[in-house]
Amino acid sequence: MTLGRSLRTFEGDRLRMFGLLPLDSRMQRERLTIGYREVTALRSSPLMPAETSVRGHEFHWSVADPPAASIAAYRIVAEDRLEGFCLGATLGSYVHLNLAGAPEIARRFVTSCALSRRNRAG
């Protein structure tokens, strides 16, 4: 949510966010989204190569418009819906990935951060 353009509060106020992703989200009291998810990466990111599958969970009181297929990060397997945003090295998602179940994702993230830092320094 913070990487998106805006967040609408429970009271209806619109707050500006960082604006790195084309995402507008809003808080809602009516429906809690909760549960385990298996996602498959649609494109390579700092966390995983395309076609990698991993489990995670969602727990939130907010909703966001779904991502366009051209920038969607994942496909949620059981629901066959797009989720998350991936633009370059920026990745945002409601799914909290279980890194204990996929330690290669944590290693890839650390490697990606080190490479990014080295590229900026050189």
N, C-alpha and C. Protein backbone atom coordinates (compact mmCIF):
# COMPACT_ATOMS: atom_id res chain seq x y z
N MET A 1 0.82 -1.19 0.00
CA MET A 1 0.00 0.00 0.00
C MET A 1 0.87 1.26 0.00
N THR A 2 1.94 1.24 0.77
CA THR A 2 2.79 2.44 0.84
C THR A 2 3.51 2.71 -0.47
N LEU A 3 3.75 1.68 -1.27
CA LEU A 3 4.42 1.89 -2.56
C LEU A 3 3.48 2.44 -3.62
N GLY A 4 2.17 2.39 -3.38
CA GLY A 4 1.18 2.85 -4.34
C GLY A 4 1.03 4.36 -4.37
N ARG A 5 -0.02 4.80 -5.10
CA ARG A 5 -0.27 6.24 -5.24
C ARG A 5 -1.05 6.82 -4.07
N SER A 6 -2.07 6.05 -3.62
CA SER A 6 -2.91 6.60 -2.56
C SER A 6 -3.53 5.50 -1.71
N LEU A 7 -3.98 5.91 -0.53
CA LEU A 7 -4.69 5.03 0.39
C LEU A 7 -5.90 5.81 0.91
N ARG A 8 -7.07 5.22 0.76
CA ARG A 8 -8.28 5.82 1.32
C ARG A 8 -8.51 5.20 2.69
N THR A 9 -8.63 6.04 3.72
CA THR A 9 -8.76 5.56 5.10
C THR A 9 -10.17 5.05 5.37
N PHE A 10 -10.36 4.45 6.55
CA PHE A 10 -11.70 4.01 6.98
C PHE A 10 -12.68 5.18 6.96
N GLU A 11 -12.19 6.37 7.26
CA GLU A 11 -13.05 7.56 7.33
C GLU A 11 -13.27 8.20 5.96
N GLY A 12 -12.60 7.70 4.94
CA GLY A 12 -12.79 8.22 3.59
C GLY A 12 -11.76 9.24 3.15
N ASP A 13 -10.81 9.57 4.01
CA ASP A 13 -9.76 10.51 3.62
C ASP A 13 -8.80 9.83 2.66
N ARG A 14 -8.32 10.58 1.68
CA ARG A 14 -7.35 10.05 0.71
C ARG A 14 -5.97 10.55 1.08
N LEU A 15 -5.06 9.60 1.34
CA LEU A 15 -3.70 9.93 1.72
C LEU A 15 -2.76 9.61 0.56
N ARG A 16 -1.83 10.50 0.29
CA ARG A 16 -0.83 10.23 -0.75
C ARG A 16 0.20 9.26 -0.21
N MET A 17 0.59 8.33 -1.04
CA MET A 17 1.62 7.36 -0.70
C MET A 17 2.87 7.66 -1.55
N PHE A 18 3.82 6.73 -1.65
CA PHE A 18 5.08 6.98 -2.36
C PHE A 18 4.92 7.13 -3.86
N GLY A 19 3.92 6.48 -4.46
CA GLY A 19 3.68 6.63 -5.89
C GLY A 19 4.61 5.84 -6.79
N LEU A 20 5.26 4.81 -6.27
CA LEU A 20 6.16 3.99 -7.09
C LEU A 20 5.41 2.96 -7.94
N LEU A 21 4.22 2.60 -7.53
CA LEU A 21 3.41 1.61 -8.26
C LEU A 21 2.05 2.20 -8.61
N PRO A 22 1.47 1.82 -9.75
CA PRO A 22 0.15 2.34 -10.15
C PRO A 22 -0.96 1.64 -9.36
N LEU A 23 -1.05 1.97 -8.09
CA LEU A 23 -1.94 1.27 -7.16
C LEU A 23 -2.64 2.28 -6.27
N ASP A 24 -3.95 2.14 -6.19
CA ASP A 24 -4.74 2.90 -5.22
C ASP A 24 -5.45 1.87 -4.35
N SER A 25 -5.32 2.01 -3.03
CA SER A 25 -5.93 1.05 -2.12
C SER A 25 -6.87 1.77 -1.16
N ARG A 26 -7.74 0.99 -0.54
CA ARG A 26 -8.69 1.58 0.41
C ARG A 26 -8.96 0.60 1.54
N MET A 27 -9.09 1.14 2.72
CA MET A 27 -9.42 0.34 3.90
C MET A 27 -10.91 0.00 3.87
N GLN A 28 -11.25 -1.15 4.43
CA GLN A 28 -12.66 -1.55 4.48
C GLN A 28 -12.91 -2.33 5.76
N ARG A 29 -14.04 -2.12 6.36
CA ARG A 29 -14.39 -2.82 7.60
C ARG A 29 -15.19 -4.09 7.34
N GLU A 30 -15.80 -4.19 6.17
CA GLU A 30 -16.75 -5.26 5.89
C GLU A 30 -16.10 -6.63 5.67
N ARG A 31 -14.90 -6.64 5.12
CA ARG A 31 -14.36 -7.93 4.68
C ARG A 31 -12.87 -8.05 5.00
N LEU A 32 -12.55 -9.00 5.85
CA LEU A 32 -11.17 -9.32 6.13
C LEU A 32 -10.70 -10.34 5.11
N THR A 33 -9.56 -10.08 4.48
CA THR A 33 -8.97 -11.06 3.58
C THR A 33 -7.91 -11.81 4.37
N ILE A 34 -8.10 -13.12 4.49
CA ILE A 34 -7.18 -13.92 5.29
C ILE A 34 -7.07 -15.31 4.68
N GLY A 35 -5.89 -15.85 4.71
CA GLY A 35 -5.72 -17.23 4.25
C GLY A 35 -4.38 -17.48 3.62
N TYR A 36 -4.10 -18.77 3.45
CA TYR A 36 -2.86 -19.19 2.79
C TYR A 36 -3.04 -19.12 1.29
N ARG A 37 -1.96 -18.81 0.59
CA ARG A 37 -1.98 -18.70 -0.86
C ARG A 37 -0.74 -19.38 -1.43
N GLU A 38 -0.90 -19.97 -2.59
CA GLU A 38 0.25 -20.38 -3.38
C GLU A 38 0.27 -19.48 -4.59
N VAL A 39 1.41 -18.87 -4.83
CA VAL A 39 1.55 -17.97 -5.97
C VAL A 39 2.64 -18.48 -6.91
N THR A 40 2.48 -18.16 -8.18
CA THR A 40 3.50 -18.43 -9.18
C THR A 40 3.93 -17.10 -9.77
N ALA A 41 5.23 -16.87 -9.78
CA ALA A 41 5.78 -15.62 -10.32
C ALA A 41 5.56 -15.55 -11.82
N LEU A 42 5.03 -14.44 -12.28
CA LEU A 42 4.79 -14.24 -13.71
C LEU A 42 6.01 -13.67 -14.43
N ARG A 43 6.91 -13.05 -13.67
CA ARG A 43 8.12 -12.46 -14.25
C ARG A 43 9.22 -12.51 -13.19
N SER A 44 10.43 -12.38 -13.63
CA SER A 44 11.55 -12.37 -12.70
C SER A 44 11.53 -11.09 -11.87
N SER A 45 11.96 -11.22 -10.62
CA SER A 45 12.01 -10.09 -9.70
C SER A 45 13.23 -10.27 -8.79
N PRO A 46 13.48 -9.31 -7.91
CA PRO A 46 14.59 -9.48 -6.95
C PRO A 46 14.39 -10.69 -6.02
N LEU A 47 13.18 -11.23 -5.95
CA LEU A 47 12.92 -12.37 -5.07
C LEU A 47 13.01 -13.72 -5.76
N MET A 48 12.56 -13.80 -7.01
CA MET A 48 12.52 -15.11 -7.65
C MET A 48 12.44 -15.00 -9.16
N PRO A 49 12.88 -16.06 -9.84
CA PRO A 49 12.73 -16.09 -11.30
C PRO A 49 11.28 -16.36 -11.68
N ALA A 50 10.93 -16.01 -12.89
CA ALA A 50 9.58 -16.30 -13.41
C ALA A 50 9.31 -17.80 -13.30
N GLU A 51 8.05 -18.13 -13.11
CA GLU A 51 7.56 -19.51 -13.01
C GLU A 51 7.86 -20.18 -11.68
N THR A 52 8.48 -19.48 -10.73
CA THR A 52 8.72 -20.03 -9.41
C THR A 52 7.42 -20.01 -8.61
N SER A 53 7.13 -21.08 -7.90
CA SER A 53 5.94 -21.12 -7.04
C SER A 53 6.36 -21.15 -5.58
N VAL A 54 5.61 -20.45 -4.76
CA VAL A 54 5.91 -20.37 -3.33
C VAL A 54 4.60 -20.13 -2.58
N ARG A 55 4.59 -20.54 -1.32
CA ARG A 55 3.42 -20.32 -0.48
C ARG A 55 3.60 -19.07 0.37
N GLY A 56 2.48 -18.51 0.77
CA GLY A 56 2.48 -17.34 1.63
C GLY A 56 1.11 -17.19 2.25
N HIS A 57 0.84 -16.04 2.82
CA HIS A 57 -0.48 -15.78 3.40
C HIS A 57 -0.87 -14.32 3.19
N GLU A 58 -2.17 -14.09 3.29
CA GLU A 58 -2.72 -12.72 3.25
C GLU A 58 -3.48 -12.49 4.54
N PHE A 59 -3.41 -11.29 5.05
CA PHE A 59 -4.17 -10.87 6.22
C PHE A 59 -4.29 -9.36 6.13
N HIS A 60 -5.44 -8.87 5.65
CA HIS A 60 -5.58 -7.42 5.52
C HIS A 60 -7.05 -6.99 5.48
N TRP A 61 -7.24 -5.74 5.87
CA TRP A 61 -8.55 -5.09 5.86
C TRP A 61 -8.64 -4.07 4.73
N SER A 62 -7.84 -4.21 3.74
CA SER A 62 -7.87 -3.26 2.64
C SER A 62 -8.02 -4.00 1.33
N VAL A 63 -8.36 -3.25 0.30
CA VAL A 63 -8.46 -3.80 -1.05
C VAL A 63 -7.76 -2.85 -2.01
N ALA A 64 -7.37 -3.39 -3.13
CA ALA A 64 -6.73 -2.59 -4.17
C ALA A 64 -7.21 -3.08 -5.51
N ASP A 65 -7.18 -2.21 -6.49
CA ASP A 65 -7.52 -2.64 -7.84
C ASP A 65 -6.50 -3.68 -8.29
N PRO A 66 -6.94 -4.68 -9.04
CA PRO A 66 -5.98 -5.70 -9.50
C PRO A 66 -4.98 -5.10 -10.47
N PRO A 67 -3.79 -5.69 -10.52
CA PRO A 67 -2.76 -5.16 -11.43
C PRO A 67 -3.06 -5.50 -12.88
N ALA A 68 -2.55 -4.69 -13.78
CA ALA A 68 -2.62 -5.02 -15.20
C ALA A 68 -1.73 -6.24 -15.44
N ALA A 69 -2.10 -7.06 -16.39
CA ALA A 69 -1.33 -8.28 -16.68
C ALA A 69 0.12 -7.97 -17.01
N SER A 70 0.37 -6.82 -17.61
CA SER A 70 1.73 -6.47 -18.03
C SER A 70 2.68 -6.20 -16.86
N ILE A 71 2.14 -5.93 -15.67
CA ILE A 71 2.99 -5.65 -14.51
C ILE A 71 2.64 -6.51 -13.30
N ALA A 72 1.74 -7.48 -13.45
CA ALA A 72 1.36 -8.34 -12.33
C ALA A 72 2.56 -9.17 -11.89
N ALA A 73 2.74 -9.29 -10.59
CA ALA A 73 3.87 -10.05 -10.06
C ALA A 73 3.57 -11.55 -10.04
N TYR A 74 2.35 -11.90 -9.63
CA TYR A 74 2.01 -13.30 -9.38
C TYR A 74 0.64 -13.67 -9.95
N ARG A 75 0.46 -14.96 -10.07
CA ARG A 75 -0.87 -15.54 -10.27
C ARG A 75 -1.14 -16.37 -9.03
N ILE A 76 -2.27 -16.10 -8.35
CA ILE A 76 -2.65 -16.93 -7.21
C ILE A 76 -3.25 -18.21 -7.78
N VAL A 77 -2.62 -19.33 -7.48
CA VAL A 77 -2.91 -20.59 -8.14
C VAL A 77 -4.36 -21.03 -7.97
N ALA A 78 -4.85 -21.16 -6.75
CA ALA A 78 -6.19 -21.71 -6.51
C ALA A 78 -7.30 -20.81 -7.04
N GLU A 79 -7.05 -19.51 -7.11
CA GLU A 79 -8.09 -18.57 -7.53
C GLU A 79 -7.91 -18.10 -8.97
N ASP A 80 -6.78 -18.44 -9.57
CA ASP A 80 -6.44 -18.00 -10.93
C ASP A 80 -6.68 -16.50 -11.09
N ARG A 81 -6.10 -15.72 -10.17
CA ARG A 81 -6.21 -14.26 -10.26
C ARG A 81 -4.83 -13.64 -10.14
N LEU A 82 -4.69 -12.47 -10.74
CA LEU A 82 -3.42 -11.74 -10.70
C LEU A 82 -3.29 -11.02 -9.37
N GLU A 83 -2.05 -10.91 -8.90
CA GLU A 83 -1.81 -10.27 -7.61
C GLU A 83 -0.43 -9.64 -7.62
N GLY A 84 -0.28 -8.52 -6.97
CA GLY A 84 1.00 -7.87 -6.82
C GLY A 84 1.43 -7.11 -8.06
N PHE A 85 2.44 -6.29 -7.86
CA PHE A 85 2.98 -5.44 -8.92
C PHE A 85 4.48 -5.64 -8.99
N CYS A 86 5.01 -5.70 -10.19
CA CYS A 86 6.46 -5.83 -10.38
C CYS A 86 6.87 -4.90 -11.51
N LEU A 87 7.58 -3.84 -11.15
CA LEU A 87 8.11 -2.87 -12.11
C LEU A 87 9.60 -2.75 -11.88
N GLY A 88 10.40 -3.29 -12.78
CA GLY A 88 11.85 -3.27 -12.60
C GLY A 88 12.21 -4.03 -11.33
N ALA A 89 12.93 -3.36 -10.43
CA ALA A 89 13.33 -3.98 -9.17
C ALA A 89 12.35 -3.70 -8.04
N THR A 90 11.21 -3.06 -8.36
CA THR A 90 10.21 -2.75 -7.35
C THR A 90 9.13 -3.81 -7.37
N LEU A 91 8.89 -4.41 -6.20
CA LEU A 91 7.91 -5.48 -6.06
C LEU A 91 7.00 -5.15 -4.89
N GLY A 92 5.70 -5.16 -5.12
CA GLY A 92 4.74 -4.93 -4.06
C GLY A 92 3.62 -5.94 -4.14
N SER A 93 3.24 -6.51 -3.00
CA SER A 93 2.23 -7.57 -2.99
C SER A 93 1.54 -7.64 -1.64
N TYR A 94 0.28 -8.05 -1.66
CA TYR A 94 -0.43 -8.33 -0.42
C TYR A 94 -0.04 -9.69 0.16
N VAL A 95 0.50 -10.57 -0.66
CA VAL A 95 0.88 -11.90 -0.19
C VAL A 95 2.22 -11.81 0.53
N HIS A 96 2.22 -12.27 1.77
CA HIS A 96 3.45 -12.33 2.56
C HIS A 96 4.07 -13.70 2.33
N LEU A 97 5.18 -13.73 1.64
CA LEU A 97 5.79 -15.00 1.25
C LEU A 97 6.45 -15.69 2.45
N ASN A 98 6.39 -17.02 2.45
CA ASN A 98 6.99 -17.81 3.50
C ASN A 98 8.43 -18.15 3.10
N LEU A 99 9.37 -17.34 3.54
CA LEU A 99 10.77 -17.54 3.17
C LEU A 99 11.37 -18.77 3.83
N ALA A 100 10.81 -19.21 4.95
CA ALA A 100 11.30 -20.44 5.58
C ALA A 100 11.05 -21.64 4.68
N GLY A 101 9.98 -21.60 3.92
CA GLY A 101 9.66 -22.69 3.01
C GLY A 101 10.36 -22.58 1.67
N ALA A 102 11.03 -21.45 1.43
CA ALA A 102 11.72 -21.23 0.15
C ALA A 102 12.96 -20.37 0.41
N PRO A 103 13.96 -20.92 1.10
CA PRO A 103 15.13 -20.12 1.46
C PRO A 103 15.89 -19.54 0.26
N GLU A 104 15.72 -20.13 -0.91
CA GLU A 104 16.40 -19.59 -2.08
C GLU A 104 15.90 -18.18 -2.41
N ILE A 105 14.68 -17.87 -2.01
CA ILE A 105 14.13 -16.53 -2.25
C ILE A 105 14.89 -15.51 -1.40
N ALA A 106 15.15 -15.84 -0.15
CA ALA A 106 15.91 -14.94 0.72
C ALA A 106 17.33 -14.74 0.19
N ARG A 107 17.96 -15.82 -0.25
CA ARG A 107 19.31 -15.71 -0.80
C ARG A 107 19.31 -14.82 -2.05
N ARG A 108 18.32 -15.01 -2.92
CA ARG A 108 18.25 -14.21 -4.15
C ARG A 108 18.05 -12.73 -3.81
N PHE A 109 17.24 -12.44 -2.79
CA PHE A 109 17.00 -11.05 -2.40
C PHE A 109 18.29 -10.40 -1.90
N VAL A 110 19.03 -11.09 -1.06
CA VAL A 110 20.29 -10.55 -0.54
C VAL A 110 21.27 -10.33 -1.68
N THR A 111 21.37 -11.28 -2.59
CA THR A 111 22.26 -11.15 -3.75
C THR A 111 21.85 -9.95 -4.61
N SER A 112 20.55 -9.80 -4.82
CA SER A 112 20.04 -8.68 -5.62
C SER A 112 20.38 -7.34 -4.97
N CYS A 113 20.24 -7.25 -3.65
CA CYS A 113 20.58 -6.01 -2.94
C CYS A 113 22.07 -5.70 -3.06
N ALA A 114 22.90 -6.73 -2.91
CA ALA A 114 24.35 -6.53 -3.01
C ALA A 114 24.73 -6.06 -4.41
N LEU A 115 24.15 -6.67 -5.44
CA LEU A 115 24.45 -6.26 -6.82
C LEU A 115 24.01 -4.83 -7.09
N SER A 116 22.84 -4.49 -6.59
CA SER A 116 22.33 -3.13 -6.78
C SER A 116 23.25 -2.11 -6.12
N ARG A 117 23.68 -2.42 -4.91
CA ARG A 117 24.57 -1.51 -4.20
C ARG A 117 25.91 -1.37 -4.93
N ARG A 118 26.43 -2.49 -5.41
CA ARG A 118 27.72 -2.49 -6.13
C ARG A 118 27.58 -1.68 -7.42
N ASN A 119 26.46 -1.82 -8.12
CA ASN A 119 26.25 -1.09 -9.38
C ASN A 119 26.17 0.42 -9.15
N ARG A 120 25.57 0.83 -8.04
CA ARG A 120 25.48 2.26 -7.73
C ARG A 120 26.82 2.83 -7.31
N ALA A 121 27.64 2.03 -6.64
CA ALA A 121 28.94 2.50 -6.15
C ALA A 121 29.96 2.61 -7.29
N GLY A 122 29.78 1.80 -8.34
CA GLY A 122 30.79 1.75 -9.38
C GLY A 122 30.46 2.65 -10.49
